[in-house]
């Protein structure tokens, strides 16, 4: 499947996002968080730097969730029975999502504090 046209590769990526959004509750929760971040930005109307910070942290959370889902799918397919090492790998991937999520919440909190002091 190498050397596919760009549009075709893009369609694979979009398909992965859509399928994950339809089937994974964790990704749906993160999408809700992304929407909440957007609402916060629209309401507070901060400087462009805050929009960039929120966009980067939100994208990091969603990307980590997509990678976590991909890893879980592959590991479950390759090794369906329980194995503590595979469980640890999946836990580490979930931990990465948590770290990015907490960082994103930290940026949102800093934005709220910034907006509070600005007004």
N, C-alpha and C. Protein backbone atom coordinates (compact mmCIF):
# COMPACT_ATOMS: atom_id res chain seq x y z
N UNK A 1 0.81 -1.20 0.00
CA UNK A 1 0.00 0.00 0.00
C UNK A 1 0.85 1.26 0.00
N UNK A 2 2.13 1.10 -0.27
CA UNK A 2 3.02 2.26 -0.35
C UNK A 2 2.71 3.05 -1.61
N UNK A 3 3.13 4.31 -1.58
CA UNK A 3 3.02 5.21 -2.73
C UNK A 3 1.57 5.46 -3.16
N UNK A 4 0.68 5.49 -2.19
CA UNK A 4 -0.70 5.86 -2.47
C UNK A 4 -0.77 7.37 -2.69
N UNK A 5 -1.70 7.84 -3.51
CA UNK A 5 -1.87 9.30 -3.67
C UNK A 5 -2.24 9.94 -2.32
N UNK A 6 -1.87 11.20 -2.19
CA UNK A 6 -2.11 11.92 -0.94
C UNK A 6 -3.57 11.86 -0.50
N UNK A 7 -4.47 12.09 -1.43
CA UNK A 7 -5.90 12.10 -1.09
C UNK A 7 -6.33 10.74 -0.53
N UNK A 8 -5.81 9.69 -1.07
CA UNK A 8 -6.15 8.34 -0.58
C UNK A 8 -5.60 8.14 0.84
N UNK A 9 -4.35 8.56 1.07
CA UNK A 9 -3.76 8.44 2.41
C UNK A 9 -4.54 9.29 3.41
N UNK A 10 -4.95 10.46 2.97
CA UNK A 10 -5.75 11.34 3.83
C UNK A 10 -7.08 10.68 4.19
N UNK A 11 -7.68 10.00 3.21
CA UNK A 11 -8.96 9.33 3.48
C UNK A 11 -8.80 8.21 4.50
N UNK A 12 -7.64 7.52 4.50
CA UNK A 12 -7.38 6.50 5.51
C UNK A 12 -7.35 7.13 6.90
N UNK A 13 -6.65 8.25 7.01
CA UNK A 13 -6.53 8.94 8.30
C UNK A 13 -7.89 9.42 8.81
N UNK A 14 -8.66 10.03 7.93
CA UNK A 14 -9.98 10.53 8.31
C UNK A 14 -10.89 9.36 8.70
N UNK A 15 -10.80 8.28 7.96
CA UNK A 15 -11.59 7.09 8.29
C UNK A 15 -11.24 6.57 9.68
N UNK A 16 -9.97 6.55 10.01
CA UNK A 16 -9.55 6.10 11.34
C UNK A 16 -10.11 6.97 12.44
N UNK A 17 -10.10 8.28 12.23
CA UNK A 17 -10.65 9.20 13.22
C UNK A 17 -12.14 8.99 13.37
N UNK A 18 -12.85 8.90 12.26
CA UNK A 18 -14.31 8.74 12.31
C UNK A 18 -14.69 7.42 12.96
N UNK A 19 -14.03 6.34 12.57
CA UNK A 19 -14.36 5.02 13.15
C UNK A 19 -14.06 5.00 14.65
N UNK A 20 -12.98 5.64 15.05
CA UNK A 20 -12.66 5.70 16.48
C UNK A 20 -13.70 6.53 17.21
N UNK A 21 -14.10 7.65 16.62
CA UNK A 21 -15.11 8.51 17.25
C UNK A 21 -16.45 7.79 17.41
N UNK A 22 -16.76 6.89 16.50
CA UNK A 22 -18.03 6.17 16.56
C UNK A 22 -18.01 5.01 17.56
N UNK A 23 -16.83 4.45 17.82
CA UNK A 23 -16.78 3.20 18.58
C UNK A 23 -16.10 3.29 19.95
N UNK A 24 -15.29 4.30 20.18
CA UNK A 24 -14.51 4.35 21.41
C UNK A 24 -15.04 5.42 22.37
N UNK A 25 -15.56 4.98 23.51
CA UNK A 25 -16.12 5.90 24.49
C UNK A 25 -15.07 6.89 25.00
N UNK A 26 -13.84 6.44 25.17
CA UNK A 26 -12.78 7.34 25.65
C UNK A 26 -12.52 8.46 24.66
N UNK A 27 -12.51 8.13 23.38
CA UNK A 27 -12.30 9.15 22.36
C UNK A 27 -13.48 10.12 22.33
N UNK A 28 -14.68 9.60 22.49
CA UNK A 28 -15.87 10.46 22.54
C UNK A 28 -15.78 11.43 23.71
N UNK A 29 -15.30 10.95 24.86
CA UNK A 29 -15.12 11.81 26.02
C UNK A 29 -14.10 12.91 25.72
N UNK A 30 -13.00 12.52 25.06
CA UNK A 30 -11.98 13.51 24.72
C UNK A 30 -12.50 14.52 23.69
N UNK A 31 -13.34 14.08 22.77
CA UNK A 31 -13.95 15.01 21.82
C UNK A 31 -14.86 16.01 22.54
N UNK A 32 -15.58 15.52 23.55
CA UNK A 32 -16.41 16.42 24.35
C UNK A 32 -15.52 17.46 25.05
N UNK A 33 -14.38 17.01 25.56
CA UNK A 33 -13.44 17.94 26.19
C UNK A 33 -12.91 18.97 25.20
N UNK A 34 -12.66 18.53 23.97
CA UNK A 34 -12.19 19.46 22.93
C UNK A 34 -13.26 20.50 22.62
N UNK A 35 -14.51 20.05 22.57
CA UNK A 35 -15.61 20.99 22.34
C UNK A 35 -15.73 21.97 23.50
N UNK A 36 -15.57 21.48 24.73
CA UNK A 36 -15.62 22.36 25.90
C UNK A 36 -14.49 23.39 25.83
N UNK A 37 -13.32 22.97 25.39
CA UNK A 37 -12.19 23.90 25.25
C UNK A 37 -12.51 24.97 24.21
N UNK A 38 -13.13 24.57 23.12
CA UNK A 38 -13.51 25.54 22.09
C UNK A 38 -14.52 26.55 22.63
N UNK A 39 -15.49 26.06 23.36
CA UNK A 39 -16.49 26.96 23.97
C UNK A 39 -15.80 27.94 24.92
N UNK A 40 -14.88 27.43 25.73
CA UNK A 40 -14.14 28.28 26.65
C UNK A 40 -13.40 29.38 25.90
N UNK A 41 -12.77 29.02 24.80
CA UNK A 41 -12.04 30.01 24.00
C UNK A 41 -12.98 31.05 23.41
N UNK A 42 -14.12 30.60 22.91
CA UNK A 42 -15.08 31.53 22.31
C UNK A 42 -15.63 32.50 23.36
N UNK A 43 -15.92 31.97 24.55
CA UNK A 43 -16.48 32.80 25.62
C UNK A 43 -15.44 33.80 26.14
N UNK A 44 -14.22 33.32 26.39
CA UNK A 44 -13.20 34.18 27.01
C UNK A 44 -12.51 35.10 26.00
N UNK A 45 -12.52 34.73 24.72
CA UNK A 45 -11.87 35.51 23.67
C UNK A 45 -10.45 35.94 24.03
N UNK A 46 -9.59 34.96 24.32
CA UNK A 46 -8.22 35.32 24.70
C UNK A 46 -7.36 35.68 23.49
N UNK A 47 -6.12 36.05 23.79
CA UNK A 47 -5.15 36.35 22.75
C UNK A 47 -4.87 35.09 21.93
N UNK A 48 -4.38 35.28 20.70
CA UNK A 48 -4.11 34.13 19.82
C UNK A 48 -3.18 33.08 20.42
N UNK A 49 -2.24 33.48 21.27
CA UNK A 49 -1.34 32.51 21.89
C UNK A 49 -2.12 31.46 22.68
N UNK A 50 -3.17 31.87 23.36
CA UNK A 50 -3.99 30.91 24.13
C UNK A 50 -4.72 29.95 23.20
N UNK A 51 -5.19 30.46 22.05
CA UNK A 51 -5.82 29.58 21.07
C UNK A 51 -4.83 28.52 20.60
N UNK A 52 -3.59 28.95 20.36
CA UNK A 52 -2.57 28.01 19.90
C UNK A 52 -2.25 26.97 20.98
N UNK A 53 -2.10 27.42 22.22
CA UNK A 53 -1.82 26.48 23.31
C UNK A 53 -2.94 25.46 23.48
N UNK A 54 -4.16 25.94 23.43
CA UNK A 54 -5.31 25.03 23.58
C UNK A 54 -5.40 24.08 22.39
N UNK A 55 -5.14 24.58 21.20
CA UNK A 55 -5.17 23.72 20.01
C UNK A 55 -4.10 22.63 20.10
N UNK A 56 -2.91 23.00 20.52
CA UNK A 56 -1.82 22.02 20.62
C UNK A 56 -2.10 20.97 21.68
N UNK A 57 -2.56 21.39 22.85
CA UNK A 57 -2.80 20.40 23.90
C UNK A 57 -4.00 19.52 23.56
N UNK A 58 -5.02 20.10 22.96
CA UNK A 58 -6.19 19.31 22.56
C UNK A 58 -5.80 18.30 21.48
N UNK A 59 -5.02 18.74 20.51
CA UNK A 59 -4.56 17.83 19.46
C UNK A 59 -3.69 16.72 20.05
N UNK A 60 -2.88 17.04 21.03
CA UNK A 60 -2.03 16.03 21.68
C UNK A 60 -2.89 14.97 22.37
N UNK A 61 -3.92 15.41 23.06
CA UNK A 61 -4.82 14.47 23.76
C UNK A 61 -5.51 13.56 22.75
N UNK A 62 -6.08 14.14 21.71
CA UNK A 62 -6.79 13.33 20.71
C UNK A 62 -5.84 12.39 19.98
N UNK A 63 -4.64 12.87 19.68
CA UNK A 63 -3.65 12.01 19.02
C UNK A 63 -3.23 10.85 19.92
N UNK A 64 -3.00 11.15 21.18
CA UNK A 64 -2.63 10.08 22.12
C UNK A 64 -3.75 9.06 22.25
N UNK A 65 -4.98 9.53 22.25
CA UNK A 65 -6.13 8.61 22.34
C UNK A 65 -6.21 7.74 21.09
N UNK A 66 -5.96 8.31 19.93
CA UNK A 66 -5.96 7.52 18.69
C UNK A 66 -4.84 6.47 18.72
N UNK A 67 -3.66 6.87 19.16
CA UNK A 67 -2.55 5.91 19.24
C UNK A 67 -2.82 4.83 20.27
N UNK A 68 -3.42 5.20 21.39
CA UNK A 68 -3.79 4.22 22.41
C UNK A 68 -4.78 3.21 21.85
N UNK A 69 -5.77 3.69 21.12
CA UNK A 69 -6.75 2.80 20.52
C UNK A 69 -6.09 1.87 19.50
N UNK A 70 -5.22 2.41 18.67
CA UNK A 70 -4.53 1.60 17.67
C UNK A 70 -3.69 0.51 18.34
N UNK A 71 -2.96 0.87 19.37
CA UNK A 71 -2.14 -0.10 20.08
C UNK A 71 -3.00 -1.20 20.70
N UNK A 72 -4.09 -0.81 21.34
CA UNK A 72 -4.97 -1.81 21.95
C UNK A 72 -5.55 -2.76 20.91
N UNK A 73 -5.96 -2.23 19.77
CA UNK A 73 -6.52 -3.08 18.73
C UNK A 73 -5.50 -4.09 18.22
N UNK A 74 -4.29 -3.64 17.97
CA UNK A 74 -3.25 -4.54 17.47
C UNK A 74 -2.89 -5.58 18.52
N UNK A 75 -2.68 -5.15 19.75
CA UNK A 75 -2.29 -6.09 20.80
C UNK A 75 -3.39 -7.12 21.08
N UNK A 76 -4.63 -6.68 21.09
CA UNK A 76 -5.74 -7.61 21.32
C UNK A 76 -5.85 -8.62 20.18
N UNK A 77 -5.54 -8.19 18.97
CA UNK A 77 -5.60 -9.09 17.82
C UNK A 77 -4.44 -10.09 17.83
N UNK A 78 -3.25 -9.60 18.14
CA UNK A 78 -2.07 -10.45 18.11
C UNK A 78 -1.98 -11.40 19.32
N UNK A 79 -2.53 -10.95 20.44
CA UNK A 79 -2.38 -11.73 21.67
C UNK A 79 -3.68 -11.62 22.47
N UNK A 80 -4.75 -12.34 22.05
CA UNK A 80 -6.05 -12.18 22.69
C UNK A 80 -6.10 -12.63 24.15
N UNK A 81 -5.26 -13.59 24.53
CA UNK A 81 -5.29 -14.04 25.92
C UNK A 81 -4.52 -13.05 26.80
N UNK A 82 -4.83 -13.07 28.09
CA UNK A 82 -4.21 -12.12 29.01
C UNK A 82 -2.72 -12.40 29.16
N UNK A 83 -1.94 -11.34 29.10
CA UNK A 83 -0.50 -11.41 29.34
C UNK A 83 -0.13 -10.15 30.12
N UNK A 84 0.52 -10.30 31.26
CA UNK A 84 0.83 -9.12 32.08
C UNK A 84 1.68 -8.07 31.36
N UNK A 85 2.56 -8.49 30.47
CA UNK A 85 3.40 -7.52 29.75
C UNK A 85 2.58 -6.72 28.75
N UNK A 86 1.65 -7.39 28.10
CA UNK A 86 0.77 -6.67 27.17
C UNK A 86 -0.16 -5.75 27.95
N UNK A 87 -0.63 -6.22 29.10
CA UNK A 87 -1.44 -5.36 29.96
C UNK A 87 -0.68 -4.11 30.37
N UNK A 88 0.59 -4.27 30.69
CA UNK A 88 1.42 -3.11 31.06
C UNK A 88 1.58 -2.16 29.88
N UNK A 89 1.80 -2.70 28.68
CA UNK A 89 1.93 -1.86 27.49
C UNK A 89 0.66 -1.03 27.27
N UNK A 90 -0.48 -1.68 27.43
CA UNK A 90 -1.76 -0.97 27.26
C UNK A 90 -1.96 0.07 28.36
N UNK A 91 -1.55 -0.28 29.58
CA UNK A 91 -1.65 0.68 30.69
C UNK A 91 -0.74 1.89 30.46
N UNK A 92 0.44 1.65 29.92
CA UNK A 92 1.36 2.76 29.62
C UNK A 92 0.76 3.69 28.57
N UNK A 93 0.15 3.11 27.55
CA UNK A 93 -0.47 3.94 26.51
C UNK A 93 -1.63 4.75 27.10
N UNK A 94 -2.41 4.13 27.96
CA UNK A 94 -3.50 4.86 28.63
C UNK A 94 -2.92 5.94 29.53
N UNK A 95 -1.79 5.66 30.16
CA UNK A 95 -1.12 6.65 30.99
C UNK A 95 -0.67 7.86 30.18
N UNK A 96 -0.22 7.62 28.96
CA UNK A 96 0.18 8.73 28.09
C UNK A 96 -1.01 9.63 27.80
N UNK A 97 -2.17 9.04 27.56
CA UNK A 97 -3.38 9.83 27.34
C UNK A 97 -3.69 10.66 28.59
N UNK A 98 -3.56 10.03 29.75
CA UNK A 98 -3.82 10.75 31.00
C UNK A 98 -2.87 11.92 31.19
N UNK A 99 -1.59 11.71 30.91
CA UNK A 99 -0.61 12.80 31.06
C UNK A 99 -0.98 13.97 30.15
N UNK A 100 -1.27 13.69 28.90
CA UNK A 100 -1.67 14.76 27.98
C UNK A 100 -2.97 15.43 28.43
N UNK A 101 -3.91 14.64 28.93
CA UNK A 101 -5.19 15.20 29.39
C UNK A 101 -4.98 16.15 30.56
N UNK A 102 -4.14 15.75 31.51
CA UNK A 102 -3.86 16.61 32.66
C UNK A 102 -3.14 17.88 32.22
N UNK A 103 -2.22 17.76 31.27
CA UNK A 103 -1.54 18.95 30.75
C UNK A 103 -2.53 19.89 30.09
N UNK A 104 -3.47 19.32 29.35
CA UNK A 104 -4.49 20.13 28.68
C UNK A 104 -5.37 20.84 29.70
N UNK A 105 -5.73 20.13 30.76
CA UNK A 105 -6.51 20.76 31.83
C UNK A 105 -5.71 21.86 32.51
N UNK A 106 -4.41 21.66 32.65
CA UNK A 106 -3.55 22.69 33.23
C UNK A 106 -3.53 23.94 32.38
N UNK A 107 -3.45 23.77 31.07
CA UNK A 107 -3.48 24.92 30.16
C UNK A 107 -4.83 25.62 30.25
N UNK A 108 -5.91 24.86 30.31
CA UNK A 108 -7.25 25.46 30.44
C UNK A 108 -7.37 26.23 31.75
N UNK A 109 -6.85 25.67 32.83
CA UNK A 109 -6.88 26.37 34.12
C UNK A 109 -6.07 27.66 34.06
N UNK A 110 -4.90 27.61 33.44
CA UNK A 110 -4.09 28.82 33.29
C UNK A 110 -4.81 29.87 32.46
N UNK A 111 -5.51 29.43 31.44
CA UNK A 111 -6.30 30.36 30.62
C UNK A 111 -7.38 31.03 31.45
N UNK A 112 -8.09 30.26 32.25
CA UNK A 112 -9.16 30.81 33.08
C UNK A 112 -8.58 31.80 34.08
N UNK A 113 -7.47 31.46 34.71
CA UNK A 113 -6.82 32.38 35.66
C UNK A 113 -6.38 33.64 34.95
N UNK A 114 -5.79 33.49 33.78
CA UNK A 114 -5.36 34.64 33.00
C UNK A 114 -6.56 35.55 32.67
N UNK A 115 -7.65 34.96 32.24
CA UNK A 115 -8.84 35.74 31.88
C UNK A 115 -9.42 36.42 33.13
N UNK A 116 -9.37 35.74 34.24
CA UNK A 116 -9.90 36.29 35.51
C UNK A 116 -9.11 37.54 35.91
N UNK A 117 -7.79 37.47 35.80
CA UNK A 117 -6.95 38.59 36.18
C UNK A 117 -7.00 39.73 35.17
N UNK A 118 -7.31 39.38 33.94
CA UNK A 118 -7.38 40.39 32.88
C UNK A 118 -8.63 41.26 33.02
N UNK A 119 -9.70 40.69 33.58
CA UNK A 119 -10.96 41.46 33.65
C UNK A 119 -11.09 42.29 34.89
